[in-house]
Amino acid sequence: MINFYPVHVYVSNYRIYASLEKANFDSSHTKPIKSLFAVLNLKEIKAMKMKLFIYDLDINSFDKMQDAINDCQTQMNN
């Protein structure tokens, strides 16, 4: 069983970070930092905390946290 979680993440240079501070620290000034809500599984969240890069371009992203929560519930019930 895979557990999915809605999280607020920041994206810079195809790297996904758990916090804006990490994104600001590692980004170049020429690339904008995008804020979004994403649905990640536990393995991906652990990788973010270890500061590994995530190259999975199929990660679900949403403009609103409620949309991410709804997607989590759908995936958990499948």
Protein backbone atom coordinates (compact mmCIF):
# COMPACT_ATOMS: atom_id res chain seq x y z
CA MET A 1 0.00 0.00 0.00
CA ILE A 2 1.34 3.43 -0.97
CA ASN A 3 0.36 6.44 1.10
CA PHE A 4 -0.09 9.71 -0.77
CA TYR A 5 0.09 13.16 0.83
CA PRO A 6 -0.77 16.66 -0.39
CA VAL A 7 2.17 19.02 0.16
CA HIS A 8 3.06 22.62 -0.65
CA VAL A 9 6.29 22.56 -2.63
CA TYR A 10 8.50 24.94 -4.51
CA VAL A 11 10.04 24.10 -7.86
CA SER A 12 13.26 25.49 -9.29
CA ASN A 13 15.23 24.08 -12.20
CA TYR A 14 13.24 20.82 -12.18
CA ARG A 15 14.18 20.29 -8.53
CA ILE A 16 11.39 19.98 -6.02
CA TYR A 17 11.92 21.25 -2.50
CA ALA A 18 9.84 21.01 0.64
CA SER A 19 10.37 24.62 1.62
CA LEU A 20 10.91 28.01 0.03
CA GLU A 21 14.15 28.43 1.99
CA LYS A 22 15.70 25.40 0.27
CA ALA A 23 14.53 26.60 -3.13
CA ASN A 24 15.99 30.07 -2.58
CA PHE A 25 19.28 28.66 -1.31
CA ASP A 26 19.90 26.39 -4.29
CA SER A 27 18.40 28.31 -7.21
CA SER A 28 20.08 30.55 -9.72
CA HIS A 29 18.70 34.06 -10.10
CA THR A 30 17.85 33.54 -13.77
CA LYS A 31 15.20 30.86 -13.13
CA PRO A 32 11.96 31.68 -11.33
CA ILE A 33 10.78 29.68 -8.34
CA LYS A 34 7.29 28.29 -8.84
CA SER A 35 5.02 27.49 -5.92
CA LEU A 36 2.49 24.69 -6.31
CA PHE A 37 0.65 21.98 -4.44
CA ALA A 38 1.64 18.43 -5.24
CA VAL A 39 0.62 14.92 -4.40
CA LEU A 40 3.64 12.88 -3.40
CA ASN A 41 4.06 9.43 -1.96
CA LEU A 42 6.05 8.72 1.19
CA LYS A 43 9.19 7.68 -0.72
CA GLU A 44 9.25 10.98 -2.63
CA ILE A 45 8.74 12.98 0.57
CA LYS A 46 11.65 11.17 2.25
CA ALA A 47 13.83 11.89 -0.79
CA MET A 48 12.96 15.59 -0.53
CA LYS A 49 13.95 15.68 3.14
CA MET A 50 17.28 14.09 2.22
CA LYS A 51 17.67 16.76 -0.47
CA LEU A 52 17.81 14.33 -3.36
CA PHE A 53 16.59 15.45 -6.76
CA ILE A 54 13.24 14.17 -8.00
CA TYR A 55 13.01 13.82 -11.78
CA ASP A 56 9.56 12.28 -11.92
CA LEU A 57 7.74 14.65 -14.28
CA ASP A 58 4.48 12.76 -13.72
CA ILE A 59 4.03 14.17 -10.22
CA ASN A 60 0.50 15.50 -9.90
CA SER A 61 0.44 19.23 -9.20
CA PHE A 62 -2.45 21.55 -8.39
CA ASP A 63 -3.12 25.24 -7.89
CA LYS A 64 -5.16 24.69 -4.72
CA MET A 65 -4.49 22.55 -1.68
CA GLN A 66 -8.08 21.27 -1.67
CA ASP A 67 -7.59 19.88 -5.19
CA ALA A 68 -4.46 18.06 -3.97
CA ILE A 69 -6.36 16.68 -0.97
CA ASN A 70 -9.16 15.44 -3.23
CA ASP A 71 -6.62 13.73 -5.50
CA CYS A 72 -4.99 12.08 -2.48
CA GLN A 73 -8.33 10.71 -1.35
CA THR A 74 -9.04 9.39 -4.84
CA GLN A 75 -5.66 7.63 -5.08
CA MET A 76 -5.94 6.17 -1.58
CA ASN A 77 -9.37 4.73 -2.40
CA ASN A 78 -8.25 3.07 -5.66
